[in-house]
C-alpha atoms as a PDB file:
ATOM      1  CA  MET A   1      98.497 132.759 127.815  1.00  0.00           C
ATOM      2  CA  GLU A   2      96.654 135.819 129.326  1.00  0.00           C
ATOM      3  CA  VAL A   3      97.610 136.656 132.853  1.00  0.00           C
ATOM      4  CA  ALA A   4      94.742 138.025 134.765  1.00  0.00           C
ATOM      5  CA  PRO A   5      95.609 141.184 136.596  1.00  0.00           C
ATOM      6  CA  ARG A   6      96.382 140.824 140.217  1.00  0.00           C
ATOM      7  CA  PRO A   7      93.442 142.540 142.478  1.00  0.00           C
ATOM      8  CA  ALA A   8      94.241 145.591 143.873  1.00  0.00           C
ATOM      9  CA  ARG A   9      95.402 145.586 147.614  1.00  0.00           C
ATOM     10  CA  SER A  10      92.801 146.489 150.419  1.00  0.00           C
ATOM     11  CA  PHE A  11      93.442 149.378 152.899  1.00  0.00           C
ATOM     12  CA  LYS A  12      94.856 147.151 155.634  1.00  0.00           C
ATOM     13  CA  GLU A  13      97.015 145.238 152.803  1.00  0.00           C
ATOM     14  CA  ARG A  14      98.614 148.671 151.991  1.00  0.00           C
ATOM     15  CA  TYR A  15      98.903 149.825 155.137  1.00  0.00           C
ATOM     16  CA  PRO A  16      99.329 147.591 157.922  1.00  0.00           C
ATOM     17  CA  SER A  17     100.333 150.378 160.912  1.00  0.00           C
ATOM     18  CA  PRO A  18      98.435 153.249 159.415  1.00  0.00           C
ATOM     19  CA  VAL A  19      98.480 156.512 160.238  1.00  0.00           C
ATOM     20  CA  LEU A  20      95.654 159.118 159.439  1.00  0.00           C
ATOM     21  CA  GLY A  21      95.646 162.578 159.656  1.00  0.00           C
ATOM     22  CA  GLU A  22      92.429 164.391 158.526  1.00  0.00           C
ATOM     23  CA  PHE A  23      92.032 166.439 155.479  1.00  0.00           C
ATOM     24  CA  GLY A  24      89.354 168.764 155.156  1.00  0.00           C
ATOM     25  CA  PRO A  25      86.663 170.035 155.333  1.00  0.00           C
ATOM     26  CA  SER A  26      84.681 167.566 153.585  1.00  0.00           C
ATOM     27  CA  PRO A  27      82.304 168.981 150.826  1.00  0.00           C
ATOM     28  CA  VAL A  28      80.383 166.006 151.166  1.00  0.00           C
ATOM     29  CA  GLN A  29      78.002 165.620 154.468  1.00  0.00           C
ATOM     30  CA  GLY A  30      78.603 161.848 155.645  1.00  0.00           C
ATOM     31  CA  LEU A  31      81.960 161.304 153.953  1.00  0.00           C
ATOM     32  CA  ALA A  32      85.500 162.058 155.949  1.00  0.00           C
ATOM     33  CA  PHE A  33      88.990 162.381 153.868  1.00  0.00           C
ATOM     34  CA  PHE A  34      92.300 161.490 155.687  1.00  0.00           C
ATOM     35  CA  LYS A  35      95.818 161.843 154.553  1.00  0.00           C
ATOM     36  CA  VAL A  36      97.284 158.235 155.188  1.00  0.00           C
ATOM     37  CA  TYR A  37     100.486 156.553 155.304  1.00  0.00           C
ATOM     38  CA  ASP A  38     102.277 153.719 156.921  1.00  0.00           C
ATOM     39  CA  LYS A  39     104.447 153.814 159.962  1.00  0.00           C
ATOM     40  CA  SER A  40     107.115 151.675 158.032  1.00  0.00           C
ATOM     41  CA  GLN A  41     107.221 154.826 155.697  1.00  0.00           C
ATOM     42  CA  MET A  42     108.049 157.374 158.218  1.00  0.00           C
ATOM     43  CA  ALA A  43     111.833 157.549 157.426  1.00  0.00           C
ATOM     44  CA  GLU A  44     111.021 158.850 153.728  1.00  0.00           C
ATOM     45  CA  ASP A  45     112.220 161.812 153.092  1.00  0.00           C
ATOM     46  CA  PRO A  46     109.862 163.619 151.981  1.00  0.00           C
ATOM     47  CA  LEU A  47     107.108 161.666 153.267  1.00  0.00           C
ATOM     48  CA  ILE A  48     104.395 161.994 151.380  1.00  0.00           C
ATOM     49  CA  PRO A  49     100.653 160.556 151.925  1.00  0.00           C
ATOM     50  CA  ALA A  50      98.202 159.411 150.092  1.00  0.00           C
ATOM     51  CA  LEU A  51      94.407 160.733 150.157  1.00  0.00           C
ATOM     52  CA  TRP A  52      91.385 158.525 151.091  1.00  0.00           C
ATOM     53  CA  ILE A  53      87.756 158.709 151.852  1.00  0.00           C
ATOM     54  CA  ARG A  54      85.969 156.906 154.600  1.00  0.00           C
ATOM     55  CA  THR A  55      82.189 156.203 154.392  1.00  0.00           C
ATOM     56  CA  PRO A  56      80.062 156.153 157.155  1.00  0.00           C
ATOM     57  CA  ASP A  57      80.024 152.191 157.283  1.00  0.00           C
ATOM     58  CA  GLY A  58      83.987 152.570 157.871  1.00  0.00           C
ATOM     59  CA  GLN A  59      84.888 151.566 154.163  1.00  0.00           C
ATOM     60  CA  MET A  60      88.554 153.383 153.286  1.00  0.00           C
ATOM     61  CA  LEU A  61      88.181 154.284 149.206  1.00  0.00           C
ATOM     62  CA  GLU A  62      90.765 155.416 147.132  1.00  0.00           C
ATOM     63  CA  THR A  63      90.438 159.499 145.455  1.00  0.00           C
ATOM     64  CA  ASP A  64      90.636 157.915 142.266  1.00  0.00           C
ATOM     65  CA  LEU A  65      87.204 157.985 139.731  1.00  0.00           C
ATOM     66  CA  ASP A  66      85.940 154.860 140.945  1.00  0.00           C
ATOM     67  CA  GLY A  67      86.567 155.675 144.731  1.00  0.00           C
ATOM     68  CA  TYR A  68      84.615 158.896 144.417  1.00  0.00           C
ATOM     69  CA  ARG A  69      81.844 157.377 142.695  1.00  0.00           C
ATOM     70  CA  ARG A  70      81.613 154.394 145.457  1.00  0.00           C
ATOM     71  CA  ALA A  71      81.724 156.948 148.240  1.00  0.00           C
ATOM     72  CA  LEU A  72      79.071 158.975 146.686  1.00  0.00           C
ATOM     73  CA  SER A  73      76.654 156.264 146.014  1.00  0.00           C
ATOM     74  CA  ALA A  74      77.204 155.150 149.724  1.00  0.00           C
ATOM     75  CA  VAL A  75      75.790 158.543 151.206  1.00  0.00           C
ATOM     76  CA  ARG A  76      73.355 158.894 148.070  1.00  0.00           C
ATOM     77  CA  TRP A  77      74.642 162.904 147.604  1.00  0.00           C
ATOM     78  CA  ALA A  78      73.979 165.064 145.144  1.00  0.00           C
ATOM     79  CA  PRO A  79      74.334 168.612 144.933  1.00  0.00           C
ATOM     80  CA  ALA A  80      71.477 170.834 146.047  1.00  0.00           C
ATOM     81  CA  SER A  81      72.623 173.961 144.389  1.00  0.00           C
ATOM     82  CA  ALA A  82      74.892 175.681 142.009  1.00  0.00           C
ATOM     83  CA  LYS A  83      77.092 176.870 145.053  1.00  0.00           C
ATOM     84  CA  GLU A  84      77.435 173.060 146.467  1.00  0.00           C
ATOM     85  CA  ALA A  85      77.952 171.799 142.918  1.00  0.00           C
ATOM     86  CA  LEU A  86      80.967 173.936 142.396  1.00  0.00           C
ATOM     87  CA  VAL A  87      82.319 173.788 146.481  1.00  0.00           C
ATOM     88  CA  PHE A  88      82.675 170.259 145.229  1.00  0.00           C
ATOM     89  CA  ALA A  89      84.364 170.525 141.893  1.00  0.00           C
ATOM     90  CA  ARG A  90      86.412 172.504 143.345  1.00  0.00           C
ATOM     91  CA  PHE A  91      87.690 170.217 146.401  1.00  0.00           C
ATOM     92  CA  TYR A  92      88.075 167.393 143.980  1.00  0.00           C
ATOM     93  CA  ALA A  93      89.960 169.622 141.594  1.00  0.00           C
ATOM     94  CA  THR A  94      92.645 170.692 144.120  1.00  0.00           C
ATOM     95  CA  ALA A  95      92.327 168.020 147.383  1.00  0.00           C
ATOM     96  CA  LYS A  96      95.475 166.225 147.177  1.00  0.00           C
ATOM     97  CA  THR A  97      98.550 165.707 149.006  1.00  0.00           C
ATOM     98  CA  GLY A  98     102.258 165.713 147.845  1.00  0.00           C
ATOM     99  CA  LEU A  99     104.757 168.351 146.072  1.00  0.00           C
ATOM    100  CA  ASN A 100     102.120 169.612 143.656  1.00  0.00           C
ATOM    101  CA  HIS A 101     100.805 173.200 144.107  1.00  0.00           C
ATOM    102  CA  ARG A 102      97.454 173.095 142.544  1.00  0.00           C
ATOM    103  CA  ARG A 103      94.879 176.002 142.662  1.00  0.00           C
ATOM    104  CA  VAL A 104      91.705 176.937 140.552  1.00  0.00           C
ATOM    105  CA  VAL A 105      91.961 179.713 138.114  1.00  0.00           C
ATOM    106  CA  ASN A 106      89.299 182.682 138.628  1.00  0.00           C
ATOM    107  CA  GLY A 107      90.281 184.405 135.467  1.00  0.00           C
ATOM    108  CA  LYS A 108      91.547 187.594 136.987  1.00  0.00           C
ATOM    109  CA  GLU A 109      95.163 186.512 138.267  1.00  0.00           C
ATOM    110  CA  SER A 110      98.377 186.539 136.225  1.00  0.00           C
ATOM    111  CA  ALA A 111     100.371 183.610 135.272  1.00  0.00           C
ATOM    112  CA  ALA A 112     102.876 184.040 137.911  1.00  0.00           C
ATOM    113  CA  GLU A 113      99.740 184.344 140.885  1.00  0.00           C
ATOM    114  CA  VAL A 114      98.430 180.741 139.798  1.00  0.00           C
ATOM    115  CA  GLY A 115     102.161 179.481 140.572  1.00  0.00           C
ATOM    116  CA  ILE A 116     102.979 179.673 136.524  1.00  0.00           C
ATOM    117  CA  LYS A 117     106.320 180.815 135.799  1.00  0.00           C
ATOM    118  CA  SER A 118     106.438 181.103 132.040  1.00  0.00           C
ATOM    119  CA  ALA A 119     104.890 184.587 130.839  1.00  0.00           C
ATOM    120  CA  LEU A 120     101.292 183.459 129.727  1.00  0.00           C
ATOM    121  CA  ASP A 121      98.087 185.332 129.130  1.00  0.00           C
ATOM    122  CA  LEU A 122      95.232 183.069 130.576  1.00  0.00           C
ATOM    123  CA  LYS A 123      92.688 184.394 128.730  1.00  0.00           C
ATOM    124  CA  LYS A 124      94.517 183.424 125.372  1.00  0.00           C
ATOM    125  CA  ILE A 125      95.197 179.613 126.463  1.00  0.00           C
ATOM    126  CA  GLY A 126      91.099 179.773 127.706  1.00  0.00           C
ATOM    127  CA  ALA A 127      91.929 179.650 131.170  1.00  0.00           C
ATOM    128  CA  THR A 128      88.161 181.210 131.965  1.00  0.00           C
ATOM    129  CA  PRO A 129      86.581 181.620 135.382  1.00  0.00           C
ATOM    130  CA  PRO A 130      84.514 178.503 136.716  1.00  0.00           C
ATOM    131  CA  SER A 131      80.761 178.349 135.580  1.00  0.00           C
ATOM    132  CA  VAL A 132      78.110 176.148 136.537  1.00  0.00           C
ATOM    133  CA  GLU A 133      74.941 174.969 134.783  1.00  0.00           C
ATOM    134  CA  LYS A 134      71.833 172.894 135.498  1.00  0.00           C
ATOM    135  CA  SER A 135      71.374 169.992 132.859  1.00  0.00           C
ATOM    136  CA  GLU A 136      69.772 166.553 132.645  1.00  0.00           C
ATOM    137  CA  GLN A 137      71.185 163.296 132.076  1.00  0.00           C
ATOM    138  CA  THR A 138      69.589 159.919 130.481  1.00  0.00           C
ATOM    139  CA  VAL A 139      70.296 156.911 132.678  1.00  0.00           C
ATOM    140  CA  CYS A 140      69.093 153.412 132.954  1.00  0.00           C
ATOM    141  CA  ARG A 141      68.222 152.184 136.392  1.00  0.00           C
ATOM    142  CA  PRO A 142      67.277 148.514 137.720  1.00  0.00           C
ATOM    143  CA  ARG A 143      63.848 148.202 138.062  1.00  0.00           C
ATOM    144  CA  GLY A 144      62.810 144.556 140.031  1.00  0.00           C
ATOM    145  CA  GLU A 145      64.949 141.718 139.086  1.00  0.00           C
ATOM    146  CA  THR A 146      64.941 142.146 135.291  1.00  0.00           C
ATOM    147  CA  GLY A 147      63.611 145.214 134.214  1.00  0.00           C
ATOM    148  CA  THR A 148      65.031 148.730 133.901  1.00  0.00           C
ATOM    149  CA  ASP A 149      63.988 152.441 133.702  1.00  0.00           C
ATOM    150  CA  ARG A 150      65.515 155.061 131.397  1.00  0.00           C
ATOM    151  CA  LEU A 151      64.955 158.426 133.802  1.00  0.00           C
ATOM    152  CA  LEU A 152      66.154 161.753 132.947  1.00  0.00           C
ATOM    153  CA  ILE A 153      68.311 163.001 136.370  1.00  0.00           C
ATOM    154  CA  PRO A 154      69.009 166.314 137.186  1.00  0.00           C
ATOM    155  CA  VAL A 155      72.778 167.092 136.854  1.00  0.00           C
ATOM    156  CA  TRP A 156      74.805 169.979 137.516  1.00  0.00           C
ATOM    157  CA  VAL A 157      78.077 170.381 135.250  1.00  0.00           C
ATOM    158  CA  VAL A 158      80.778 172.244 136.640  1.00  0.00           C
ATOM    159  CA  ARG A 159      83.831 173.950 134.093  1.00  0.00           C
ATOM    160  CA  LEU A 160      86.489 175.231 136.173  1.00  0.00           C
ATOM    161  CA  CYS A 161      90.287 175.604 134.895  1.00  0.00           C
ATOM    162  CA  VAL A 162      93.202 174.394 137.131  1.00  0.00           C
ATOM    163  CA  ALA A 163      96.834 175.397 137.241  1.00  0.00           C
ATOM    164  CA  ASP A 164      99.173 172.549 138.584  1.00  0.00           C
ATOM    165  CA  VAL A 165     102.751 173.282 139.322  1.00  0.00           C
ATOM    166  CA  GLN A 166     105.127 170.591 140.245  1.00  0.00           C
ATOM    167  CA  PRO A 167     108.119 171.329 141.441  1.00  0.00           C
ATOM    168  CA  LYS A 168     111.710 169.625 140.736  1.00  0.00           C
ATOM    169  CA  ALA A 169     112.354 166.450 142.842  1.00  0.00           C
ATOM    170  CA  TRP A 170     114.007 163.152 142.980  1.00  0.00           C
ATOM    171  CA  GLY A 171     116.016 164.540 140.036  1.00  0.00           C
ATOM    172  CA  MET A 172     113.043 164.737 137.901  1.00  0.00           C
ATOM    173  CA  PRO A 173     112.213 168.241 136.349  1.00  0.00           C
ATOM    174  CA  GLY A 174     109.302 169.945 137.598  1.00  0.00           C
ATOM    175  CA  HIS A 175     106.088 170.834 135.290  1.00  0.00           C
ATOM    176  CA  GLU A 176     103.705 173.501 134.891  1.00  0.00           C
ATOM    177  CA  THR A 177     100.224 172.516 133.411  1.00  0.00           C
ATOM    178  CA  ILE A 178      97.200 174.052 133.096  1.00  0.00           C
ATOM    179  CA  TYR A 179      94.070 172.483 132.225  1.00  0.00           C
ATOM    180  CA  ARG A 180      90.080 172.114 132.234  1.00  0.00           C
ATOM    181  CA  LEU A 181      87.917 169.581 133.957  1.00  0.00           C
ATOM    182  CA  THR A 182      84.309 169.495 133.475  1.00  0.00           C
ATOM    183  CA  VAL A 183      82.785 167.696 136.461  1.00  0.00           C
ATOM    184  CA  THR A 184      78.918 166.237 135.865  1.00  0.00           C
ATOM    185  CA  VAL A 185      77.062 165.090 139.100  1.00  0.00           C
ATOM    186  CA  GLY A 186      73.955 164.261 140.310  1.00  0.00           C
ATOM    187  CA  ASP A 187      71.855 161.357 142.135  1.00  0.00           C
ATOM    188  CA  GLY A 188      74.234 158.398 141.436  1.00  0.00           C
ATOM    189  CA  ILE A 189      75.993 160.691 138.543  1.00  0.00           C
ATOM    190  CA  PHE A 190      79.794 161.517 138.722  1.00  0.00           C
ATOM    191  CA  ASP A 191      81.825 161.812 135.453  1.00  0.00           C
ATOM    192  CA  VAL A 192      84.868 164.466 134.817  1.00  0.00           C
ATOM    193  CA  ASP A 193      86.328 165.093 131.413  1.00  0.00           C
ATOM    194  CA  GLN A 194      89.627 167.102 131.330  1.00  0.00           C
ATOM    195  CA  GLU A 195      91.215 169.203 128.574  1.00  0.00           C
ATOM    196  CA  THR A 196      94.589 170.220 128.907  1.00  0.00           C
ATOM    197  CA  LEU A 197      95.188 173.910 127.633  1.00  0.00           C
ATOM    198  CA  TRP A 198      98.889 174.671 128.009  1.00  0.00           C
ATOM    199  CA  GLY A 199     101.414 172.262 129.733  1.00  0.00           C
ATOM    200  CA  GLY A 200     104.155 169.770 130.174  1.00  0.00           C
ATOM    201  CA  ASN A 201     106.838 172.510 130.184  1.00  0.00           C
ATOM    202  CA  GLU A 202     109.650 171.972 131.887  1.00  0.00           C
ATOM    203  CA  ILE A 203     110.516 174.593 134.581  1.00  0.00           C
ATOM    204  CA  LYS A 204     114.372 175.232 135.623  1.00  0.00           C
ATOM    205  CA  SER A 205     113.714 176.261 139.173  1.00  0.00           C
ATOM    206  CA  VAL A 206     111.475 176.196 142.099  1.00  0.00           C
ATOM    207  CA  PRO A 207     107.688 177.376 141.146  1.00  0.00           C
ATOM    208  CA  ILE A 208     106.502 180.389 142.796  1.00  0.00           C
ATOM    209  CA  LYS A 209     104.479 179.745 145.936  1.00  0.00           C
END
């Protein structure tokens, strides 16, 4: 007999006595980002809040892919320029709370400058600077009660490489990873692909800050 998955707990169920701190600035007008923890967690060391999105109507959404899609749909936001698309993609790639050190690679740093302790040649592993291009994507949108329309929607495709360094904590070894994100964003469209260029490598000491 199959057991149905338990529904995700609501924000109020997770945080009966929430403490919110604004995380920003937000790259999207109308959306606010908050670091959140519950008062019952205040004795935890380290205390690591979660990152949530608040929409104009007061909904609190997790910062997973579905949460971002729902939030962007709530404000009908799409980048108006390559610059806006890049700012949003950089925010998505690096916005987090916790112990990890995460930053976008611009293609000119050494591995140490992005927090990677191993002797890496970033160019050799394909860690290229961010790039943005305009494209189109075919989508089906509902029309009336029964019909659908196939539409070509303009999208921005942003490719950027991110260095992520996780220090040793809670008795677990630290790790270093460099990956490439491809972020596609447009009116009602938000997709992310991730490719690991180099990573999963255990480190013995505290990473370079």
